[in-house]
């Protein structure tokens, strides 16, 4: 056997050994659970550990470089001024502070809140937003609903209308969830309020709780210039998004 071949085999074996060792160390690394593992109920401990793996708590480094979440999911960040939520989706990267504290000096690093959309601005879906506006006007005062799907491979939008459950009314609409293909993501969830103003009701709050999406409401569809309301929904956190109604309802559409 030639020396180069032997060297390659040795190098491959060593890399496999390193990978196996890193995996073993990562799996054995203790989780941040305030529990006596020897005294705890094994079944309950397993459930707590599974929850912590699904939504870990990590510390923002004070001296080293912060490494952002790479895979889809979320985790909680302990920073020098409080607790932050970090969320990754194919179309979204977000860091937002959940709780602020400055009384106790904590030996953690600082983090900057941010909201980044992979598709750029909501205006990139302006044609689809306008198309739903036309449909919502025609169906008003009956409520209507639609979903904007973003494909992270083609980076294109698709407007789809879910099948309603029951008969929509002027104050209520319920619909089936859409089936998505691979690389498709329900990104903007739209519904209308007919002749009523655009706002998020308690029912909307319940429906949006626990989801990660952008919600939009169209209202006052009997007026020349309707109203709209948009927000980013992140696991119960609601962030208002400024979307001008006159950008969606152009002069030609508003006069129709």
Protein backbone atom coordinates (compact mmCIF):
# COMPACT_ATOMS: atom_id res chain seq x y z
CA UNK A 1 0.00 0.00 0.00
CA UNK A 2 1.30 3.39 -0.95
CA UNK A 3 2.05 5.97 1.72
CA UNK A 4 -0.53 8.44 0.33
CA UNK A 5 -3.27 5.79 0.46
CA UNK A 6 -2.35 4.90 4.03
CA UNK A 7 -2.33 8.57 4.96
CA UNK A 8 -5.82 9.08 3.48
CA UNK A 9 -7.19 6.05 5.37
CA UNK A 10 -5.68 7.32 8.60
CA UNK A 11 -7.06 10.81 8.00
CA UNK A 12 -10.57 9.45 7.24
CA UNK A 13 -10.54 7.26 10.35
CA UNK A 14 -9.42 10.18 12.50
CA UNK A 15 -12.17 12.46 11.12
CA UNK A 16 -14.76 9.75 11.83
CA UNK A 17 -13.39 9.41 15.36
CA UNK A 18 -13.65 13.17 15.93
CA UNK A 19 -17.23 13.27 14.65
CA UNK A 20 -18.23 10.35 16.88
CA UNK A 21 -16.52 11.93 19.89
CA UNK A 22 -18.16 15.33 19.34
CA UNK A 23 -21.58 13.67 19.03
CA UNK A 24 -21.03 11.64 22.19
CA UNK A 25 -19.89 14.70 24.14
CA UNK A 26 -22.84 16.75 22.89
CA UNK A 27 -25.31 14.04 23.90
CA UNK A 28 -23.69 13.67 27.32
CA UNK A 29 -23.47 17.40 27.98
CA UNK A 30 -25.71 18.23 30.99
CA UNK A 31 -28.88 20.18 30.29
CA UNK A 32 -29.91 23.23 32.28
CA UNK A 33 -32.51 21.55 34.45
CA UNK A 34 -32.78 22.48 38.12
CA UNK A 35 -33.54 18.92 39.18
CA UNK A 36 -32.00 16.09 41.14
CA UNK A 37 -31.76 13.53 38.35
CA UNK A 38 -31.27 10.62 40.75
CA UNK A 39 -34.40 11.47 42.76
CA UNK A 40 -36.57 12.62 39.85
CA UNK A 41 -39.28 10.49 38.26
CA UNK A 42 -37.59 9.07 35.13
CA UNK A 43 -40.65 9.55 32.94
CA UNK A 44 -41.18 13.16 34.01
CA UNK A 45 -37.46 13.89 33.73
CA UNK A 46 -37.47 12.51 30.18
CA UNK A 47 -40.37 14.82 29.26
CA UNK A 48 -38.61 17.86 30.75
CA UNK A 49 -35.40 17.02 28.91
CA UNK A 50 -37.30 16.62 25.64
CA UNK A 51 -38.90 20.04 26.12
CA UNK A 52 -35.54 21.65 26.84
CA UNK A 53 -34.01 20.07 23.76
CA UNK A 54 -36.89 21.38 21.65
CA UNK A 55 -36.57 24.91 23.06
CA UNK A 56 -33.14 25.25 24.71
CA UNK A 57 -31.94 28.02 26.98
CA UNK A 58 -28.48 29.30 26.01
CA UNK A 59 -26.19 32.06 27.24
CA UNK A 60 -25.01 34.87 24.96
CA UNK A 61 -21.19 34.79 25.19
CA UNK A 62 -19.48 37.79 26.72
CA UNK A 63 -16.09 37.36 25.04
CA UNK A 64 -16.63 34.92 22.16
CA UNK A 65 -18.61 35.52 18.97
CA UNK A 66 -22.35 34.78 19.14
CA UNK A 67 -23.35 31.86 16.91
CA UNK A 68 -26.86 32.29 15.51
CA UNK A 69 -29.44 29.53 15.37
CA UNK A 70 -28.99 27.76 12.03
CA UNK A 71 -31.83 25.23 11.82
CA UNK A 72 -35.57 25.92 11.95
CA UNK A 73 -36.69 26.18 15.55
CA UNK A 74 -36.42 28.51 18.51
CA UNK A 75 -34.48 28.99 21.72
CA UNK A 76 -34.25 31.40 24.61
CA UNK A 77 -31.19 33.61 25.05
CA UNK A 78 -29.87 34.81 28.40
CA UNK A 79 -28.22 38.18 27.73
CA UNK A 80 -26.75 40.89 29.91
CA UNK A 81 -30.04 42.82 30.00
CA UNK A 82 -32.66 40.10 30.06
CA UNK A 83 -34.22 37.18 28.24
CA UNK A 84 -34.57 37.08 24.46
CA UNK A 85 -36.40 34.83 22.02
CA UNK A 86 -34.53 33.64 18.93
CA UNK A 87 -36.54 32.07 16.09
CA UNK A 88 -35.44 30.64 12.76
CA UNK A 89 -37.72 29.70 9.87
CA UNK A 90 -36.80 29.38 6.17
CA UNK A 91 -38.43 32.79 5.64
CA UNK A 92 -37.68 34.45 8.99
CA UNK A 93 -34.88 35.15 11.46
CA UNK A 94 -35.87 36.96 14.64
CA UNK A 95 -34.40 38.02 17.96
CA UNK A 96 -36.73 39.86 20.34
CA UNK A 97 -36.46 40.67 24.03
CA UNK A 98 -39.10 39.04 26.22
CA UNK A 99 -38.04 40.40 29.61
CA UNK A 100 -35.71 43.23 30.58
CA UNK A 101 -33.65 43.46 33.74
CA UNK A 102 -30.81 45.78 34.74
CA UNK A 103 -30.82 45.39 38.51
CA UNK A 104 -28.52 42.37 38.62
CA UNK A 105 -25.28 42.43 36.70
CA UNK A 106 -25.13 39.18 34.76
CA UNK A 107 -21.87 37.88 33.20
CA UNK A 108 -23.43 37.45 29.77
CA UNK A 109 -22.96 39.20 26.45
CA UNK A 110 -25.20 41.69 24.69
CA UNK A 111 -27.54 40.86 21.81
CA UNK A 112 -29.31 43.13 19.31
CA UNK A 113 -33.02 42.62 18.47
CA UNK A 114 -33.72 42.01 14.80
CA UNK A 115 -36.38 40.89 12.35
CA UNK A 116 -35.15 39.66 8.98
CA UNK A 117 -37.38 38.33 6.19
CA UNK A 118 -35.73 36.09 3.61
CA UNK A 119 -38.11 37.45 0.97
CA UNK A 120 -37.11 41.03 1.70
CA UNK A 121 -40.11 43.28 2.24
CA UNK A 122 -43.81 42.43 2.39
CA UNK A 123 -44.12 44.59 -0.69
CA UNK A 124 -42.55 41.75 -2.67
CA UNK A 125 -46.01 40.12 -2.42
CA UNK A 126 -47.87 43.29 -3.42
CA UNK A 127 -49.51 41.72 -6.49
CA UNK A 128 -50.92 38.89 -4.37
CA UNK A 129 -52.04 41.26 -1.62
CA UNK A 130 -53.90 43.34 -4.20
CA UNK A 131 -55.49 40.25 -5.73
CA UNK A 132 -56.92 39.23 -2.36
CA UNK A 133 -58.16 42.80 -1.88
CA UNK A 134 -60.24 42.49 -5.04
CA UNK A 135 -61.71 39.17 -3.93
CA UNK A 136 -62.43 40.48 -0.43
CA UNK A 137 -64.25 43.49 -1.91
CA UNK A 138 -66.40 41.29 -4.14
CA UNK A 139 -67.35 38.97 -1.27
CA UNK A 140 -67.94 41.76 1.27
CA UNK A 141 -69.79 41.96 3.64
CA UNK A 142 -69.12 38.21 3.89
CA UNK A 143 -65.66 37.49 5.31
CA UNK A 144 -63.06 35.83 3.10
CA UNK A 145 -59.65 34.27 3.70
CA UNK A 146 -56.49 33.48 1.78
CA UNK A 147 -52.92 32.34 2.36
CA UNK A 148 -49.71 33.61 0.83
CA UNK A 149 -47.23 30.77 0.35
CA UNK A 150 -43.51 31.48 -0.06
CA UNK A 151 -41.24 28.97 -1.76
CA UNK A 152 -37.72 29.19 -0.35
CA UNK A 153 -36.25 27.49 -3.45
CA UNK A 154 -37.90 29.51 -6.23
CA UNK A 155 -38.29 32.54 -3.93
CA UNK A 156 -41.73 33.16 -5.38
CA UNK A 157 -45.14 33.86 -3.85
CA UNK A 158 -48.36 31.93 -4.46
CA UNK A 159 -51.85 33.09 -3.42
CA UNK A 160 -54.18 30.26 -2.40
CA UNK A 161 -57.69 30.14 -1.01
CA UNK A 162 -58.36 27.48 1.65
CA UNK A 163 -61.66 25.62 1.64
CA UNK A 164 -64.10 27.11 4.17
CA UNK A 165 -65.56 25.02 6.97
CA UNK A 166 -69.26 25.74 7.09
CA UNK A 167 -70.77 28.89 5.64
CA UNK A 168 -68.80 32.14 6.06
CA UNK A 169 -70.76 35.08 7.47
CA UNK A 170 -70.22 38.80 7.90
CA UNK A 171 -68.64 38.15 11.30
CA UNK A 172 -66.97 34.76 11.04
CA UNK A 173 -64.99 32.49 8.75
CA UNK A 174 -63.36 29.16 9.46
CA UNK A 175 -61.30 27.23 6.93
CA UNK A 176 -59.19 24.13 6.39
CA UNK A 177 -55.44 24.27 6.56
CA UNK A 178 -53.65 24.08 3.23
CA UNK A 179 -51.43 21.15 2.30
CA UNK A 180 -47.99 22.46 1.38
CA UNK A 181 -45.38 20.99 -0.89
CA UNK A 182 -41.74 20.67 0.06
CA UNK A 183 -39.99 24.06 0.27
CA UNK A 184 -43.36 25.84 0.61
CA UNK A 185 -44.21 27.84 3.73
CA UNK A 186 -47.43 29.48 4.86
CA UNK A 187 -46.03 32.93 5.48
CA UNK A 188 -48.90 35.45 5.32
CA UNK A 189 -52.38 34.54 6.57
CA UNK A 190 -55.11 36.91 5.33
CA UNK A 191 -58.77 37.40 6.16
CA UNK A 192 -61.28 40.21 5.78
CA UNK A 193 -63.79 41.93 8.08
CA UNK A 194 -66.21 43.04 5.41
CA UNK A 195 -67.54 46.51 6.23
CA UNK A 196 -66.04 46.47 9.72
CA UNK A 197 -62.64 48.06 10.47
CA UNK A 198 -59.43 46.07 10.16
CA UNK A 199 -58.30 44.91 13.61
CA UNK A 200 -57.28 41.74 15.42
CA UNK A 201 -60.07 40.31 17.53
CA UNK A 202 -59.77 38.06 20.57
CA UNK A 203 -60.61 35.17 18.26
CA UNK A 204 -57.70 36.20 16.01
CA UNK A 205 -55.42 36.33 19.05
CA UNK A 206 -56.38 32.80 20.03
CA UNK A 207 -55.97 31.52 16.47
CA UNK A 208 -52.55 33.18 16.08
CA UNK A 209 -51.17 32.16 19.48
CA UNK A 210 -48.36 29.64 19.15
CA UNK A 211 -47.93 30.19 15.40
CA UNK A 212 -45.08 31.74 13.40
CA UNK A 213 -46.54 33.72 10.51
CA UNK A 214 -47.61 37.15 9.33
CA UNK A 215 -51.30 37.89 9.82
CA UNK A 216 -53.21 40.48 7.82
CA UNK A 217 -56.76 41.81 8.08
CA UNK A 218 -58.64 43.87 5.47
CA UNK A 219 -61.57 46.00 6.68
CA UNK A 220 -63.91 48.83 5.68
CA UNK A 221 -64.24 47.23 2.25
CA UNK A 222 -67.36 49.30 1.57
CA UNK A 223 -65.29 52.49 1.62
CA UNK A 224 -63.20 54.04 -1.14
CA UNK A 225 -60.00 53.37 0.79
CA UNK A 226 -60.30 50.28 3.01
CA UNK A 227 -58.24 49.73 6.15
CA UNK A 228 -55.63 47.03 6.78
CA UNK A 229 -53.79 45.69 9.82
CA UNK A 230 -50.70 43.47 9.73
CA UNK A 231 -48.62 41.85 12.43
CA UNK A 232 -45.87 39.29 12.82
CA UNK A 233 -46.98 36.42 15.06
CA UNK A 234 -44.19 34.57 16.84
CA UNK A 235 -45.27 31.94 19.36
CA UNK A 236 -47.67 34.30 21.12
CA UNK A 237 -45.57 37.43 20.57
CA UNK A 238 -47.28 39.98 18.29
CA UNK A 239 -45.23 42.63 16.46
CA UNK A 240 -47.12 45.30 14.52
CA UNK A 241 -46.04 45.72 10.90
CA UNK A 242 -46.64 48.97 9.04
CA UNK A 243 -48.36 48.21 5.73
CA UNK A 244 -50.06 51.23 4.06
CA UNK A 245 -53.56 50.47 2.80
CA UNK A 246 -53.12 52.82 -0.15
CA UNK A 247 -50.28 50.64 -1.44
CA UNK A 248 -52.60 47.64 -1.63
CA UNK A 249 -55.74 49.45 -2.73
CA UNK A 250 -54.51 51.57 -5.61
CA UNK A 251 -56.51 54.53 -6.89
CA UNK A 252 -57.99 52.38 -9.66
CA UNK A 253 -58.98 49.59 -7.28
CA UNK A 254 -60.30 51.97 -4.60
CA UNK A 255 -62.55 53.70 -7.13
CA UNK A 256 -63.97 50.41 -8.46
